[in-house]
Amino acid sequence: MDLNPQLTSPTEVRALLNQLGHRPNRGLGQNYLIDANILDGIVQLAALESTDCVLEIGPGLGALTERILVQTMHLRCIEKDSTMAGYLRGRFPGLEVMEADAMDVNLNAIFASGVNKVVANLPYSVASRLMVEIAEGADGPERMCLTIQKEVADRLTAKPGDRAYGVLSVLTGFFYESRLAKKVSPTCFLPPPKVWSAVVQMDRRAEVWVEADEYPMVKRLVKHCFSQRRKQIATSLKNLGITVVGELLSELEISPKERPEQLKPLHWVAMARWLQSREA
């Protein structure tokens, strides 16, 4: 078996997959990025230094992996598929490959150990949950450069008042500033997915917008109210069992007729602080 095929050549990637006896699993989001310009752009966006410690989630055949290793040898990978994990170990001797579902891994422990950047083509089925879990961790990486579904990228980068603004943009926005760097056509993948993708850049805020002891209440408010996003904020809060809604909204100068997507991130923090002060 050729351990060093050209991973941006559709012909060579198909041949390699056949040699491995592997059929891409759409349920796992196994759509391999084969566009060299996009792959190079992701690594450039990450602005990697030789001292950076990088985490790659879902490396697949290693097209992005080999580019990261040119910049830094401090790389850890999490790969759920055992065939892919075995191939990566053979292709990149010494590479640390954790064979696991990223959703089952203590990611914060990895970041606490010194990993400061994430560069990955995230599995689309769990991308939103992974971004939130990483963002809300105490030791979140300083930068993440990720390929995700375009629809998810729109939600991640949405601003208050946008139709796509919701739980993902609010919860990650407390900790990270996110931007859509590039849209990616389905033709850049093998096999091509049914949707467009996008590369996003997420930079950790110098000062996060919510304290650790406030966050559980903030998250509860955000998730509940956006689950009823067509309702006015006063109604949603009453449905949560809050009995002082009128006083709360009046003191914070929030109209009871506002919808959740009209509130800025710091409005949610202010509501949580006000409620917690009443409980003290």
C-alpha atoms as a PDB file:
ATOM      1  CA  MET A   1       0.000   0.000   0.000  1.00  0.00           C
ATOM      2  CA  ASP A   2       1.242   3.466  -0.891  1.00  0.00           C
ATOM      3  CA  LEU A   3       1.505   5.318   2.431  1.00  0.00           C
ATOM      4  CA  ASN A   4       2.231   8.628   0.711  1.00  0.00           C
ATOM      5  CA  PRO A   5      -0.417   9.173  -1.963  1.00  0.00           C
ATOM      6  CA  GLN A   6      -1.346  12.640  -3.194  1.00  0.00           C
ATOM      7  CA  LEU A   7      -4.311  13.407  -0.946  1.00  0.00           C
ATOM      8  CA  THR A   8      -5.574  16.195  -3.210  1.00  0.00           C
ATOM      9  CA  SER A   9      -5.853  13.845  -6.207  1.00  0.00           C
ATOM     10  CA  PRO A  10      -9.342  12.322  -6.540  1.00  0.00           C
ATOM     11  CA  THR A  11      -7.877   9.345  -8.391  1.00  0.00           C
ATOM     12  CA  GLU A  12      -5.281   8.604  -5.711  1.00  0.00           C
ATOM     13  CA  VAL A  13      -7.726   9.152  -2.851  1.00  0.00           C
ATOM     14  CA  ARG A  14     -10.227   6.742  -4.414  1.00  0.00           C
ATOM     15  CA  ALA A  15      -7.463   4.186  -4.925  1.00  0.00           C
ATOM     16  CA  LEU A  16      -6.310   4.548  -1.332  1.00  0.00           C
ATOM     17  CA  LEU A  17      -9.833   4.134   0.025  1.00  0.00           C
ATOM     18  CA  ASN A  18     -10.222   0.987  -2.083  1.00  0.00           C
ATOM     19  CA  GLN A  19      -6.929  -0.376  -0.756  1.00  0.00           C
ATOM     20  CA  LEU A  20      -8.118   0.289   2.789  1.00  0.00           C
ATOM     21  CA  GLY A  21     -11.444  -1.369   2.009  1.00  0.00           C
ATOM     22  CA  HIS A  22     -13.088   1.766   3.248  1.00  0.00           C
ATOM     23  CA  ARG A  23     -16.336   3.354   2.127  1.00  0.00           C
ATOM     24  CA  PRO A  24     -16.875   6.923   3.415  1.00  0.00           C
ATOM     25  CA  ASN A  25     -19.590   7.035   6.067  1.00  0.00           C
ATOM     26  CA  ARG A  26     -21.888  10.007   5.506  1.00  0.00           C
ATOM     27  CA  GLY A  27     -23.236   9.582   9.036  1.00  0.00           C
ATOM     28  CA  LEU A  28     -19.750  10.329  10.365  1.00  0.00           C
ATOM     29  CA  GLY A  29     -19.327  13.229   7.950  1.00  0.00           C
ATOM     30  CA  GLN A  30     -16.547  11.475   6.044  1.00  0.00           C
ATOM     31  CA  ASN A  31     -16.270  13.860   3.121  1.00  0.00           C
ATOM     32  CA  TYR A  32     -12.553  14.287   2.481  1.00  0.00           C
ATOM     33  CA  LEU A  33     -11.353  17.791   1.620  1.00  0.00           C
ATOM     34  CA  ILE A  34      -9.139  17.451  -1.473  1.00  0.00           C
ATOM     35  CA  ASP A  35      -8.692  21.062  -2.596  1.00  0.00           C
ATOM     36  CA  ALA A  36      -5.061  22.069  -2.017  1.00  0.00           C
ATOM     37  CA  ASN A  37      -5.820  25.794  -2.019  1.00  0.00           C
ATOM     38  CA  ILE A  38      -8.467  25.427   0.691  1.00  0.00           C
ATOM     39  CA  LEU A  39      -6.246  23.157   2.774  1.00  0.00           C
ATOM     40  CA  ASP A  40      -3.309  25.563   2.511  1.00  0.00           C
ATOM     41  CA  GLY A  41      -5.616  28.473   3.327  1.00  0.00           C
ATOM     42  CA  ILE A  42      -6.830  26.826   6.532  1.00  0.00           C
ATOM     43  CA  VAL A  43      -3.275  26.378   7.792  1.00  0.00           C
ATOM     44  CA  GLN A  44      -2.337  29.942   6.823  1.00  0.00           C
ATOM     45  CA  LEU A  45      -5.392  31.216   8.677  1.00  0.00           C
ATOM     46  CA  ALA A  46      -4.241  29.388  11.799  1.00  0.00           C
ATOM     47  CA  ALA A  47      -0.944  31.339  11.690  1.00  0.00           C
ATOM     48  CA  LEU A  48       0.915  28.380  13.160  1.00  0.00           C
ATOM     49  CA  GLU A  49       4.270  28.760  14.883  1.00  0.00           C
ATOM     50  CA  SER A  50       6.685  25.918  15.621  1.00  0.00           C
ATOM     51  CA  THR A  51       5.870  26.294  19.316  1.00  0.00           C
ATOM     52  CA  ASP A  52       2.085  25.966  18.851  1.00  0.00           C
ATOM     53  CA  CYS A  53       0.395  22.833  20.160  1.00  0.00           C
ATOM     54  CA  VAL A  54      -2.459  21.858  17.834  1.00  0.00           C
ATOM     55  CA  LEU A  55      -5.487  19.614  18.106  1.00  0.00           C
ATOM     56  CA  GLU A  56      -7.032  18.192  14.931  1.00  0.00           C
ATOM     57  CA  ILE A  57     -10.439  16.544  15.215  1.00  0.00           C
ATOM     58  CA  GLY A  58     -11.462  14.113  12.482  1.00  0.00           C
ATOM     59  CA  PRO A  59      -8.223  14.079  10.437  1.00  0.00           C
ATOM     60  CA  GLY A  60      -9.432  11.312   8.124  1.00  0.00           C
ATOM     61  CA  LEU A  61      -6.669  10.470   5.644  1.00  0.00           C
ATOM     62  CA  GLY A  62      -4.436  13.305   6.815  1.00  0.00           C
ATOM     63  CA  ALA A  63      -4.567  15.902   4.029  1.00  0.00           C
ATOM     64  CA  LEU A  64      -4.731  18.688   6.607  1.00  0.00           C
ATOM     65  CA  THR A  65      -2.526  16.782   9.054  1.00  0.00           C
ATOM     66  CA  GLU A  66       0.479  16.753   6.722  1.00  0.00           C
ATOM     67  CA  ARG A  67       0.211  20.509   6.260  1.00  0.00           C
ATOM     68  CA  ILE A  68       0.028  21.166  10.002  1.00  0.00           C
ATOM     69  CA  LEU A  69       3.123  19.041  10.587  1.00  0.00           C
ATOM     70  CA  VAL A  70       5.122  21.252   8.227  1.00  0.00           C
ATOM     71  CA  GLN A  71       4.500  24.140  10.645  1.00  0.00           C
ATOM     72  CA  THR A  72       4.652  22.394  14.037  1.00  0.00           C
ATOM     73  CA  MET A  73       5.399  18.904  15.271  1.00  0.00           C
ATOM     74  CA  HIS A  74       3.219  19.421  18.341  1.00  0.00           C
ATOM     75  CA  LEU A  75       0.025  17.840  16.999  1.00  0.00           C
ATOM     76  CA  ARG A  76      -2.606  15.613  18.564  1.00  0.00           C
ATOM     77  CA  CYS A  77      -5.411  14.010  16.578  1.00  0.00           C
ATOM     78  CA  ILE A  78      -8.773  12.556  17.568  1.00  0.00           C
ATOM     79  CA  GLU A  79     -10.140  10.104  15.000  1.00  0.00           C
ATOM     80  CA  LYS A  80     -13.237   7.985  15.580  1.00  0.00           C
ATOM     81  CA  ASP A  81     -12.803   5.648  12.610  1.00  0.00           C
ATOM     82  CA  SER A  82     -10.417   2.792  13.438  1.00  0.00           C
ATOM     83  CA  THR A  83      -9.361   2.322   9.801  1.00  0.00           C
ATOM     84  CA  MET A  84      -8.434   5.987   9.482  1.00  0.00           C
ATOM     85  CA  ALA A  85      -6.647   5.957  12.846  1.00  0.00           C
ATOM     86  CA  GLY A  86      -4.543   2.971  11.809  1.00  0.00           C
ATOM     87  CA  TYR A  87      -3.664   4.535   8.474  1.00  0.00           C
ATOM     88  CA  LEU A  88      -2.627   7.810  10.111  1.00  0.00           C
ATOM     89  CA  ARG A  89      -0.279   6.012  12.507  1.00  0.00           C
ATOM     90  CA  GLY A  90       1.377   4.274   9.573  1.00  0.00           C
ATOM     91  CA  ARG A  91       1.662   7.382   7.429  1.00  0.00           C
ATOM     92  CA  PHE A  92       2.877   9.681  10.218  1.00  0.00           C
ATOM     93  CA  PRO A  93       5.100   7.662  12.614  1.00  0.00           C
ATOM     94  CA  GLY A  94       5.091   9.183  16.085  1.00  0.00           C
ATOM     95  CA  LEU A  95       1.870  11.117  15.548  1.00  0.00           C
ATOM     96  CA  GLU A  96      -0.362  11.053  18.624  1.00  0.00           C
ATOM     97  CA  VAL A  97      -3.695   9.650  17.420  1.00  0.00           C
ATOM     98  CA  MET A  98      -6.489   9.149  19.941  1.00  0.00           C
ATOM     99  CA  GLU A  99      -9.027   6.679  18.566  1.00  0.00           C
ATOM    100  CA  ALA A 100     -12.235   8.038  20.057  1.00  0.00           C
ATOM    101  CA  ASP A 101     -15.382  10.035  19.501  1.00  0.00           C
ATOM    102  CA  ALA A 102     -14.466  13.659  20.214  1.00  0.00           C
ATOM    103  CA  MET A 103     -17.762  14.062  22.068  1.00  0.00           C
ATOM    104  CA  ASP A 104     -16.564  11.465  24.612  1.00  0.00           C
ATOM    105  CA  VAL A 105     -13.140  13.040  25.173  1.00  0.00           C
ATOM    106  CA  ASN A 106     -12.322  15.468  27.989  1.00  0.00           C
ATOM    107  CA  LEU A 107     -11.341  18.261  25.627  1.00  0.00           C
ATOM    108  CA  ASN A 108     -10.751  20.798  28.378  1.00  0.00           C
ATOM    109  CA  ALA A 109      -8.089  18.518  29.862  1.00  0.00           C
ATOM    110  CA  ILE A 110      -6.343  18.494  26.481  1.00  0.00           C
ATOM    111  CA  PHE A 111      -6.362  22.286  26.341  1.00  0.00           C
ATOM    112  CA  ALA A 112      -5.240  22.538  29.950  1.00  0.00           C
ATOM    113  CA  SER A 113      -2.207  20.434  29.008  1.00  0.00           C
ATOM    114  CA  GLY A 114      -0.998  23.116  26.614  1.00  0.00           C
ATOM    115  CA  VAL A 115      -2.879  22.724  23.314  1.00  0.00           C
ATOM    116  CA  ASN A 116      -3.518  26.292  22.183  1.00  0.00           C
ATOM    117  CA  LYS A 117      -5.010  25.927  18.688  1.00  0.00           C
ATOM    118  CA  VAL A 118      -7.558  23.749  16.910  1.00  0.00           C
ATOM    119  CA  VAL A 119      -7.294  23.197  13.162  1.00  0.00           C
ATOM    120  CA  ALA A 120      -9.865  20.783  11.792  1.00  0.00           C
ATOM    121  CA  ASN A 121     -12.466  19.764   9.260  1.00  0.00           C
ATOM    122  CA  LEU A 122     -15.070  19.046  11.912  1.00  0.00           C
ATOM    123  CA  PRO A 123     -17.497  16.133  11.536  1.00  0.00           C
ATOM    124  CA  TYR A 124     -20.636  17.967  10.468  1.00  0.00           C
ATOM    125  CA  SER A 125     -22.976  15.901  12.623  1.00  0.00           C
ATOM    126  CA  VAL A 126     -21.407  17.165  15.861  1.00  0.00           C
ATOM    127  CA  ALA A 127     -19.782  20.464  14.813  1.00  0.00           C
ATOM    128  CA  SER A 128     -22.174  22.741  16.713  1.00  0.00           C
ATOM    129  CA  ARG A 129     -21.931  20.760  19.940  1.00  0.00           C
ATOM    130  CA  LEU A 130     -18.149  20.567  19.701  1.00  0.00           C
ATOM    131  CA  MET A 131     -17.770  24.308  19.172  1.00  0.00           C
ATOM    132  CA  VAL A 132     -19.952  25.107  22.169  1.00  0.00           C
ATOM    133  CA  GLU A 133     -18.192  22.560  24.378  1.00  0.00           C
ATOM    134  CA  ILE A 134     -14.767  23.899  23.452  1.00  0.00           C
ATOM    135  CA  ALA A 135     -15.824  27.529  23.757  1.00  0.00           C
ATOM    136  CA  GLU A 136     -17.262  27.211  27.247  1.00  0.00           C
ATOM    137  CA  GLY A 137     -14.275  25.310  28.647  1.00  0.00           C
ATOM    138  CA  ALA A 138     -12.067  27.108  31.143  1.00  0.00           C
ATOM    139  CA  ASP A 139      -8.915  26.576  29.073  1.00  0.00           C
ATOM    140  CA  GLY A 140     -10.250  27.160  25.561  1.00  0.00           C
ATOM    141  CA  PRO A 141      -7.678  27.448  22.739  1.00  0.00           C
ATOM    142  CA  GLU A 142      -6.624  30.903  21.582  1.00  0.00           C
ATOM    143  CA  ARG A 143      -7.625  30.223  17.960  1.00  0.00           C
ATOM    144  CA  MET A 144      -9.719  27.722  16.040  1.00  0.00           C
ATOM    145  CA  CYS A 145      -9.760  27.394  12.259  1.00  0.00           C
ATOM    146  CA  LEU A 146     -12.529  25.018  11.254  1.00  0.00           C
ATOM    147  CA  THR A 147     -14.322  23.730   8.196  1.00  0.00           C
ATOM    148  CA  ILE A 148     -18.027  23.333   8.949  1.00  0.00           C
ATOM    149  CA  GLN A 149     -21.334  23.375   7.102  1.00  0.00           C
ATOM    150  CA  LYS A 150     -22.107  26.781   5.602  1.00  0.00           C
ATOM    151  CA  GLU A 151     -25.472  26.810   7.394  1.00  0.00           C
ATOM    152  CA  VAL A 152     -23.730  26.251  10.732  1.00  0.00           C
ATOM    153  CA  ALA A 153     -21.157  28.927   9.881  1.00  0.00           C
ATOM    154  CA  ASP A 154     -23.987  31.382   9.252  1.00  0.00           C
ATOM    155  CA  ARG A 155     -25.441  30.597  12.677  1.00  0.00           C
ATOM    156  CA  LEU A 156     -22.050  30.830  14.363  1.00  0.00           C
ATOM    157  CA  THR A 157     -21.271  34.277  12.941  1.00  0.00           C
ATOM    158  CA  ALA A 158     -24.794  35.759  13.043  1.00  0.00           C
ATOM    159  CA  LYS A 159     -25.397  39.056  14.834  1.00  0.00           C
ATOM    160  CA  PRO A 160     -28.383  40.140  16.959  1.00  0.00           C
ATOM    161  CA  GLY A 161     -31.361  40.699  14.698  1.00  0.00           C
ATOM    162  CA  ASP A 162     -30.184  38.228  12.039  1.00  0.00           C
ATOM    163  CA  ARG A 163     -32.473  35.335  11.218  1.00  0.00           C
ATOM    164  CA  ALA A 164     -29.650  32.855  11.861  1.00  0.00           C
ATOM    165  CA  TYR A 165     -28.832  34.340  15.293  1.00  0.00           C
ATOM    166  CA  GLY A 166     -29.463  31.805  18.017  1.00  0.00           C
ATOM    167  CA  VAL A 167     -28.040  29.537  20.703  1.00  0.00           C
ATOM    168  CA  LEU A 168     -24.805  28.775  18.817  1.00  0.00           C
ATOM    169  CA  SER A 169     -23.909  32.399  18.094  1.00  0.00           C
ATOM    170  CA  VAL A 170     -24.810  33.552  21.618  1.00  0.00           C
ATOM    171  CA  LEU A 171     -23.058  30.832  23.618  1.00  0.00           C
ATOM    172  CA  THR A 172     -19.853  30.831  21.561  1.00  0.00           C
ATOM    173  CA  GLY A 173     -19.950  34.626  21.335  1.00  0.00           C
ATOM    174  CA  PHE A 174     -19.438  34.998  25.082  1.00  0.00           C
ATOM    175  CA  PHE A 175     -15.962  33.509  24.655  1.00  0.00           C
ATOM    176  CA  TYR A 176     -14.949  33.847  20.987  1.00  0.00           C
ATOM    177  CA  GLU A 177     -15.077  36.328  18.153  1.00  0.00           C
ATOM    178  CA  SER A 178     -15.974  34.407  15.008  1.00  0.00           C
ATOM    179  CA  ARG A 179     -15.848  35.227  11.321  1.00  0.00           C
ATOM    180  CA  LEU A 180     -16.553  33.386   8.084  1.00  0.00           C
ATOM    181  CA  ALA A 181     -13.260  33.295   6.178  1.00  0.00           C
ATOM    182  CA  LYS A 182     -14.206  31.405   3.023  1.00  0.00           C
ATOM    183  CA  LYS A 183     -17.101  29.509   1.465  1.00  0.00           C
ATOM    184  CA  VAL A 184     -16.247  26.036   0.165  1.00  0.00           C
ATOM    185  CA  SER A 185     -18.008  24.312  -2.729  1.00  0.00           C
ATOM    186  CA  PRO A 186     -19.130  20.667  -2.446  1.00  0.00           C
ATOM    187  CA  THR A 187     -16.806  19.914  -5.385  1.00  0.00           C
ATOM    188  CA  CYS A 188     -13.814  20.453  -3.071  1.00  0.00           C
ATOM    189  CA  PHE A 189     -14.643  17.204  -1.261  1.00  0.00           C
ATOM    190  CA  LEU A 190     -14.626  13.497  -2.033  1.00  0.00           C
ATOM    191  CA  PRO A 191     -17.341  12.350  -1.983  1.00  0.00           C
ATOM    192  CA  PRO A 192     -19.020  15.759  -2.435  1.00  0.00           C
ATOM    193  CA  PRO A 193     -21.512  16.602   0.340  1.00  0.00           C
ATOM    194  CA  LYS A 194     -24.993  17.820  -0.534  1.00  0.00           C
ATOM    195  CA  VAL A 195     -24.376  21.235   1.051  1.00  0.00           C
ATOM    196  CA  TRP A 196     -21.862  24.075   0.878  1.00  0.00           C
ATOM    197  CA  SER A 197     -19.230  24.338   3.578  1.00  0.00           C
ATOM    198  CA  ALA A 198     -17.256  27.228   5.040  1.00  0.00           C
ATOM    199  CA  VAL A 199     -13.981  27.887   6.799  1.00  0.00           C
ATOM    200  CA  VAL A 200     -14.399  29.894   9.998  1.00  0.00           C
ATOM    201  CA  GLN A 201     -11.898  31.540  12.303  1.00  0.00           C
ATOM    202  CA  MET A 202     -12.629  31.780  16.026  1.00  0.00           C
ATOM    203  CA  ASP A 203     -10.387  33.861  18.294  1.00  0.00           C
ATOM    204  CA  ARG A 204     -10.616  33.712  22.074  1.00  0.00           C
ATOM    205  CA  ARG A 205     -11.650  37.019  23.604  1.00  0.00           C
ATOM    206  CA  ALA A 206      -9.039  38.683  25.787  1.00  0.00           C
ATOM    207  CA  GLU A 207     -11.775  39.074  28.388  1.00  0.00           C
ATOM    208  CA  VAL A 208     -14.731  36.703  28.184  1.00  0.00           C
ATOM    209  CA  TRP A 209     -18.144  38.268  28.660  1.00  0.00           C
ATOM    210  CA  VAL A 210     -19.492  35.978  31.377  1.00  0.00           C
ATOM    211  CA  GLU A 211     -18.083  34.681  34.649  1.00  0.00           C
ATOM    212  CA  ALA A 212     -17.908  30.959  35.362  1.00  0.00           C
ATOM    213  CA  ASP A 213     -20.442  31.149  38.212  1.00  0.00           C
ATOM    214  CA  GLU A 214     -22.893  33.068  35.999  1.00  0.00           C
ATOM    215  CA  TYR A 215     -22.655  30.873  32.936  1.00  0.00           C
ATOM    216  CA  PRO A 216     -25.014  28.023  33.955  1.00  0.00           C
ATOM    217  CA  MET A 217     -27.853  30.505  34.530  1.00  0.00           C
ATOM    218  CA  VAL A 218     -27.025  32.381  31.318  1.00  0.00           C
ATOM    219  CA  LYS A 219     -27.007  29.152  29.315  1.00  0.00           C
ATOM    220  CA  ARG A 220     -30.315  28.084  30.831  1.00  0.00           C
ATOM    221  CA  LEU A 221     -31.944  31.389  29.886  1.00  0.00           C
ATOM    222  CA  VAL A 222     -30.553  31.347  26.346  1.00  0.00           C
ATOM    223  CA  LYS A 223     -31.492  27.753  25.551  1.00  0.00           C
ATOM    224  CA  HIS A 224     -34.994  28.087  27.000  1.00  0.00           C
ATOM    225  CA  CYS A 225     -35.860  31.377  25.313  1.00  0.00           C
ATOM    226  CA  PHE A 226     -34.509  30.373  21.925  1.00  0.00           C
ATOM    227  CA  SER A 227     -36.514  27.145  22.135  1.00  0.00           C
ATOM    228  CA  GLN A 228     -39.502  29.517  22.077  1.00  0.00           C
ATOM    229  CA  ARG A 229     -37.966  32.073  19.737  1.00  0.00           C
ATOM    230  CA  ARG A 230     -41.305  33.192  18.278  1.00  0.00           C
ATOM    231  CA  LYS A 231     -42.543  34.226  21.707  1.00  0.00           C
ATOM    232  CA  GLN A 232     -41.885  37.609  23.272  1.00  0.00           C
ATOM    233  CA  ILE A 233     -39.147  37.608  25.881  1.00  0.00           C
ATOM    234  CA  ALA A 234     -41.568  38.353  28.732  1.00  0.00           C
ATOM    235  CA  THR A 235     -43.669  35.310  27.867  1.00  0.00           C
ATOM    236  CA  SER A 236     -40.644  33.024  27.546  1.00  0.00           C
ATOM    237  CA  LEU A 237     -39.271  34.100  30.913  1.00  0.00           C
ATOM    238  CA  LYS A 238     -42.650  33.554  32.589  1.00  0.00           C
ATOM    239  CA  ASN A 239     -42.771  30.083  31.020  1.00  0.00           C
ATOM    240  CA  LEU A 240     -39.447  29.401  32.720  1.00  0.00           C
ATOM    241  CA  GLY A 241     -41.101  30.031  36.065  1.00  0.00           C
ATOM    242  CA  ILE A 242     -39.652  33.480  36.694  1.00  0.00           C
ATOM    243  CA  THR A 243     -42.175  35.478  38.730  1.00  0.00           C
ATOM    244  CA  VAL A 244     -40.504  38.901  38.641  1.00  0.00           C
ATOM    245  CA  VAL A 245     -40.321  39.302  34.865  1.00  0.00           C
ATOM    246  CA  GLY A 246     -41.793  42.797  34.794  1.00  0.00           C
ATOM    247  CA  GLU A 247     -39.369  44.146  37.372  1.00  0.00           C
ATOM    248  CA  LEU A 248     -36.417  42.371  35.733  1.00  0.00           C
ATOM    249  CA  LEU A 249     -37.062  43.732  32.255  1.00  0.00           C
ATOM    250  CA  SER A 250     -37.925  47.217  33.528  1.00  0.00           C
ATOM    251  CA  GLU A 251     -34.696  47.570  35.507  1.00  0.00           C
ATOM    252  CA  LEU A 252     -32.605  46.341  32.576  1.00  0.00           C
ATOM    253  CA  GLU A 253     -34.521  48.528  30.108  1.00  0.00           C
ATOM    254  CA  ILE A 254     -35.474  45.565  27.913  1.00  0.00           C
ATOM    255  CA  SER A 255     -38.823  45.741  26.146  1.00  0.00           C
ATOM    256  CA  PRO A 256     -41.082  42.832  27.135  1.00  0.00           C
ATOM    257  CA  LYS A 257     -42.044  42.567  23.458  1.00  0.00           C
ATOM    258  CA  GLU A 258     -38.516  41.810  22.273  1.00  0.00           C
ATOM    259  CA  ARG A 259     -37.846  38.428  20.681  1.00  0.00           C
ATOM    260  CA  PRO A 260     -34.796  36.392  21.769  1.00  0.00           C
ATOM    261  CA  GLU A 261     -32.893  37.089  18.531  1.00  0.00           C
ATOM    262  CA  GLN A 262     -33.119  40.827  19.184  1.00  0.00           C
ATOM    263  CA  LEU A 263     -31.222  40.668  22.471  1.00  0.00           C
ATOM    264  CA  LYS A 264     -27.475  41.246  22.577  1.00  0.00           C
ATOM    265  CA  PRO A 265     -25.217  38.747  24.385  1.00  0.00           C
ATOM    266  CA  LEU A 266     -24.695  41.053  27.350  1.00  0.00           C
ATOM    267  CA  HIS A 267     -28.472  41.311  27.842  1.00  0.00           C
ATOM    268  CA  TRP A 268     -28.492  37.614  28.752  1.00  0.00           C
ATOM    269  CA  VAL A 269     -25.613  38.100  31.173  1.00  0.00           C
ATOM    270  CA  ALA A 270     -27.364  41.073  32.774  1.00  0.00           C
ATOM    271  CA  MET A 271     -30.560  39.068  33.260  1.00  0.00           C
ATOM    272  CA  ALA A 272     -28.668  36.201  34.868  1.00  0.00           C
ATOM    273  CA  ARG A 273     -26.796  38.557  37.199  1.00  0.00           C
ATOM    274  CA  TRP A 274     -30.010  40.307  38.203  1.00  0.00           C
ATOM    275  CA  LEU A 275     -31.751  37.012  38.950  1.00  0.00           C
ATOM    276  CA  GLN A 276     -28.805  35.648  40.897  1.00  0.00           C
ATOM    277  CA  SER A 277     -28.613  38.845  42.951  1.00  0.00           C
ATOM    278  CA  ARG A 278     -32.228  38.303  43.953  1.00  0.00           C
ATOM    279  CA  GLU A 279     -31.433  34.768  45.082  1.00  0.00           C
ATOM    280  CA  ALA A 280     -28.437  35.823  47.188  1.00  0.00           C
END
